[in-house]
Amino acid sequence: MLPATETLERKKLIVILPEVLSGNIKLARRIFWLAEQESSDVTYLALAEDEERTLQMILRLATMKAVSSPSAFSTHTKVIPKNRVIATLEQLYKPGDLVVCPQELFIKTSFFHAKPISVFLEEELKLPVRTIAGFYQPWRDQTRRWIKFFAFWAGCLLVMALFTLLEVEIDLQLQGTLRTILFVLCLTFEFGALLAWNNMHPIE
């Protein structure tokens, strides 16, 4: 249980955001309404699954923050690694605060077991938690990841197959220096095509 220390700070909503929800304006409007009801400031705690996407998340969070800019309460954002959520909550939480999180968000409690993070926070840390439903759909996000994964590798295989056919034709039809030059050029273009495809469709 977290220590109940007194604080002069205004109470706040600590909103736990999976990476896919950073920048979600509809959710930001819901949080805006809740903050007004609770007369609380807002701290968005966004969970980064990949540190390389931190800057993108910060930019998307700025959009969410702008939704509440005309209001009387202040809004802050913080991007952290996904596995640091509990430690960060222990640092941020003060008596009177309220944790807000997606109902569908789970946290691993052991190698083979997971439970809703809302339940974990209430049972283990004794924190007040408000859940919101309908915004986070992990199955849809996972499906999108698999589609991107297979599309990426299908594109790579197609590029390699086309260039392999071209290289076979060069090998069969030409000889000498011209064959060597065209073969090297073909390999260079193949590498460039694969690099361009990777830049257009990076695997998450």
Protein backbone atom coordinates (compact mmCIF):
# COMPACT_ATOMS: atom_id res chain seq x y z
CA MET A 1 0.00 0.00 0.00
CA LEU A 2 1.25 3.48 -0.82
CA PRO A 3 2.10 5.87 2.03
CA ALA A 4 -0.68 8.33 2.79
CA THR A 5 1.30 11.56 2.89
CA GLU A 6 -0.38 14.93 3.02
CA THR A 7 -0.02 17.21 0.01
CA LEU A 8 -1.04 20.71 -0.93
CA GLU A 9 -1.15 19.81 -4.60
CA ARG A 10 -4.49 19.85 -6.37
CA LYS A 11 -5.92 16.37 -6.82
CA LYS A 12 -5.50 14.83 -10.25
CA LEU A 13 -6.68 12.13 -12.57
CA ILE A 14 -3.84 9.79 -13.52
CA VAL A 15 -4.91 8.40 -16.88
CA ILE A 16 -3.13 5.22 -17.98
CA LEU A 17 -2.93 5.13 -21.77
CA PRO A 18 -1.86 2.14 -23.86
CA GLU A 19 0.34 3.32 -26.72
CA VAL A 20 -2.40 2.83 -29.30
CA LEU A 21 -4.68 5.32 -27.47
CA SER A 22 -2.20 8.19 -27.40
CA GLY A 23 -3.73 10.93 -29.53
CA ASN A 24 -7.30 9.60 -29.23
CA ILE A 25 -9.43 12.77 -29.27
CA LYS A 26 -12.67 11.01 -28.37
CA LEU A 27 -11.03 9.64 -25.24
CA ALA A 28 -9.54 13.06 -24.46
CA ARG A 29 -13.04 14.56 -24.50
CA ARG A 30 -14.22 11.86 -22.07
CA ILE A 31 -11.31 12.65 -19.75
CA PHE A 32 -12.06 16.37 -20.08
CA TRP A 33 -15.64 15.74 -18.93
CA LEU A 34 -14.48 13.52 -16.06
CA ALA A 35 -11.89 16.08 -14.91
CA GLU A 36 -14.58 18.75 -14.73
CA GLN A 37 -16.84 16.43 -12.75
CA GLU A 38 -14.03 15.61 -10.31
CA SER A 39 -12.53 19.14 -10.28
CA SER A 40 -9.14 17.57 -10.92
CA ASP A 41 -6.03 18.18 -12.95
CA VAL A 42 -5.05 15.50 -15.48
CA THR A 43 -1.84 13.54 -15.95
CA TYR A 44 -1.73 11.28 -19.00
CA LEU A 45 0.58 8.33 -18.35
CA ALA A 46 1.26 6.82 -21.77
CA LEU A 47 2.82 3.36 -21.98
CA ALA A 48 5.42 3.05 -24.74
CA GLU A 49 5.95 -0.43 -26.13
CA ASP A 50 8.97 0.73 -28.14
CA GLU A 51 11.24 3.59 -27.05
CA GLU A 52 11.84 4.52 -30.70
CA ARG A 53 8.21 5.66 -30.94
CA THR A 54 8.39 7.91 -27.86
CA LEU A 55 8.64 11.13 -29.88
CA GLN A 56 5.61 10.17 -31.98
CA MET A 57 3.65 9.51 -28.80
CA ILE A 58 4.65 12.87 -27.32
CA LEU A 59 3.34 14.63 -30.43
CA ARG A 60 0.05 12.72 -30.31
CA LEU A 61 -0.34 13.44 -26.60
CA ALA A 62 0.05 17.15 -27.34
CA THR A 63 -3.14 16.88 -29.39
CA MET A 64 -4.98 15.31 -26.46
CA LYS A 65 -3.64 17.99 -24.14
CA ALA A 66 -4.92 20.71 -26.47
CA VAL A 67 -8.49 19.44 -26.03
CA SER A 68 -8.45 20.60 -22.41
CA SER A 69 -6.38 23.77 -22.90
CA PRO A 70 -9.27 26.26 -22.38
CA SER A 71 -10.31 24.62 -19.09
CA ALA A 72 -9.61 25.63 -15.50
CA PHE A 73 -7.54 22.52 -14.74
CA SER A 74 -4.01 21.76 -15.92
CA THR A 75 -3.00 18.82 -18.08
CA HIS A 76 0.35 17.05 -18.09
CA THR A 77 1.71 14.17 -20.14
CA LYS A 78 4.35 11.57 -19.41
CA VAL A 79 5.60 8.76 -21.66
CA ILE A 80 7.14 5.76 -19.89
CA PRO A 81 8.16 2.19 -20.81
CA LYS A 82 5.23 -0.16 -20.46
CA ASN A 83 6.96 -2.20 -17.76
CA ARG A 84 7.44 0.89 -15.55
CA VAL A 85 3.76 1.65 -15.04
CA ILE A 86 3.49 0.40 -11.43
CA ALA A 87 6.70 2.07 -10.26
CA THR A 88 5.67 5.35 -11.89
CA LEU A 89 2.21 5.23 -10.33
CA GLU A 90 3.78 4.78 -6.91
CA GLN A 91 5.77 7.97 -7.51
CA LEU A 92 2.91 10.04 -8.95
CA TYR A 93 -0.01 9.08 -6.75
CA LYS A 94 -1.04 11.36 -3.88
CA PRO A 95 -4.04 10.98 -1.57
CA GLY A 96 -7.14 12.32 -3.31
CA ASP A 97 -5.95 11.33 -6.79
CA LEU A 98 -7.97 9.00 -9.00
CA VAL A 99 -6.47 6.49 -11.43
CA VAL A 100 -8.33 6.13 -14.73
CA CYS A 101 -7.59 3.22 -17.05
CA PRO A 102 -9.19 1.17 -19.84
CA GLN A 103 -11.33 -1.66 -18.56
CA GLU A 104 -9.73 -3.98 -21.12
CA LEU A 105 -6.11 -3.27 -20.12
CA PHE A 106 -4.35 -6.22 -18.45
CA ILE A 107 -1.07 -6.53 -16.57
CA LYS A 108 1.05 -9.66 -16.21
CA THR A 109 1.26 -10.85 -12.61
CA SER A 110 3.27 -13.98 -13.39
CA PHE A 111 4.68 -15.79 -16.39
CA PHE A 112 1.37 -17.51 -17.19
CA HIS A 113 -1.14 -15.18 -15.55
CA ALA A 114 -2.53 -11.69 -16.11
CA LYS A 115 -5.35 -9.69 -14.58
CA PRO A 116 -7.08 -6.38 -15.34
CA ILE A 117 -4.79 -3.57 -14.25
CA SER A 118 -7.74 -1.92 -12.50
CA VAL A 119 -8.17 -4.99 -10.28
CA PHE A 120 -4.44 -5.18 -9.60
CA LEU A 121 -4.25 -1.52 -8.56
CA GLU A 122 -7.26 -1.81 -6.27
CA GLU A 123 -6.20 -5.08 -4.65
CA GLU A 124 -2.43 -4.70 -4.45
CA LEU A 125 -1.85 -0.94 -4.17
CA LYS A 126 -5.24 -0.01 -2.67
CA LEU A 127 -5.68 2.82 -5.18
CA PRO A 128 -9.02 4.31 -6.21
CA VAL A 129 -9.63 3.38 -9.84
CA ARG A 130 -12.19 4.44 -12.44
CA THR A 131 -12.41 2.30 -15.57
CA ILE A 132 -13.50 3.40 -19.04
CA ALA A 133 -14.74 0.90 -21.59
CA GLY A 134 -14.92 0.77 -25.37
CA PHE A 135 -11.79 2.73 -26.29
CA TYR A 136 -9.10 0.09 -25.99
CA GLN A 137 -9.54 -2.98 -28.19
CA PRO A 138 -6.36 -5.05 -27.85
CA TRP A 139 -7.59 -7.83 -30.14
CA ARG A 140 -8.06 -5.32 -32.97
CA ASP A 141 -4.62 -3.84 -32.36
CA GLN A 142 -3.04 -7.31 -32.39
CA THR A 143 -4.85 -8.16 -35.63
CA ARG A 144 -3.53 -4.97 -37.21
CA ARG A 145 0.01 -5.89 -36.13
CA TRP A 146 -0.27 -9.37 -37.66
CA ILE A 147 -1.62 -7.95 -40.93
CA LYS A 148 1.29 -5.50 -41.12
CA PHE A 149 3.73 -8.29 -40.28
CA PHE A 150 2.50 -10.62 -43.04
CA ALA A 151 2.17 -7.76 -45.55
CA PHE A 152 5.76 -6.74 -44.87
CA TRP A 153 7.17 -10.22 -45.44
CA ALA A 154 4.93 -10.85 -48.44
CA GLY A 155 6.32 -7.68 -50.02
CA CYS A 156 9.89 -8.73 -49.26
CA LEU A 157 9.37 -12.17 -50.79
CA LEU A 158 7.77 -10.65 -53.89
CA VAL A 159 10.69 -8.25 -54.40
CA MET A 160 13.23 -11.04 -53.97
CA ALA A 161 11.31 -13.37 -56.31
CA LEU A 162 11.11 -10.76 -59.08
CA PHE A 163 14.78 -9.86 -58.85
CA THR A 164 15.76 -13.54 -58.69
CA LEU A 165 13.96 -14.16 -61.99
CA LEU A 166 15.74 -11.16 -63.50
CA GLU A 167 19.11 -12.38 -62.23
CA VAL A 168 18.50 -15.85 -63.69
CA GLU A 169 17.69 -14.30 -67.07
CA ILE A 170 20.85 -12.19 -66.95
CA ASP A 171 22.90 -15.27 -66.09
CA LEU A 172 21.38 -17.30 -68.95
CA GLN A 173 21.31 -14.66 -71.67
CA LEU A 174 24.53 -12.71 -71.15
CA GLN A 175 28.20 -13.42 -70.72
CA GLY A 176 31.40 -11.69 -69.75
CA THR A 177 31.76 -8.21 -68.32
CA LEU A 178 28.26 -7.05 -69.31
CA ARG A 179 26.70 -9.93 -67.36
CA THR A 180 28.78 -9.07 -64.29
CA ILE A 181 27.88 -5.37 -64.46
CA LEU A 182 24.16 -6.03 -64.88
CA PHE A 183 24.24 -8.65 -62.14
CA VAL A 184 25.83 -6.19 -59.69
CA LEU A 185 23.34 -3.48 -60.70
CA CYS A 186 20.47 -5.90 -60.21
CA LEU A 187 21.67 -6.81 -56.72
CA THR A 188 22.06 -3.11 -55.88
CA PHE A 189 18.52 -2.30 -57.01
CA GLU A 190 17.19 -5.33 -55.12
CA PHE A 191 18.83 -4.13 -51.92
CA GLY A 192 17.49 -0.61 -52.51
CA ALA A 193 13.96 -1.91 -53.13
CA LEU A 194 14.03 -3.95 -49.91
CA LEU A 195 15.33 -0.98 -47.96
CA ALA A 196 12.62 1.30 -49.38
CA TRP A 197 9.92 -1.27 -48.58
CA ASN A 198 11.22 -1.56 -45.02
CA ASN A 199 11.10 2.23 -44.58
CA MET A 200 7.53 2.40 -45.91
CA HIS A 201 6.28 -0.56 -43.86
CA PRO A 202 8.36 -0.91 -40.68
CA ILE A 203 7.51 -3.83 -38.41
CA GLU A 204 6.31 -2.70 -34.98
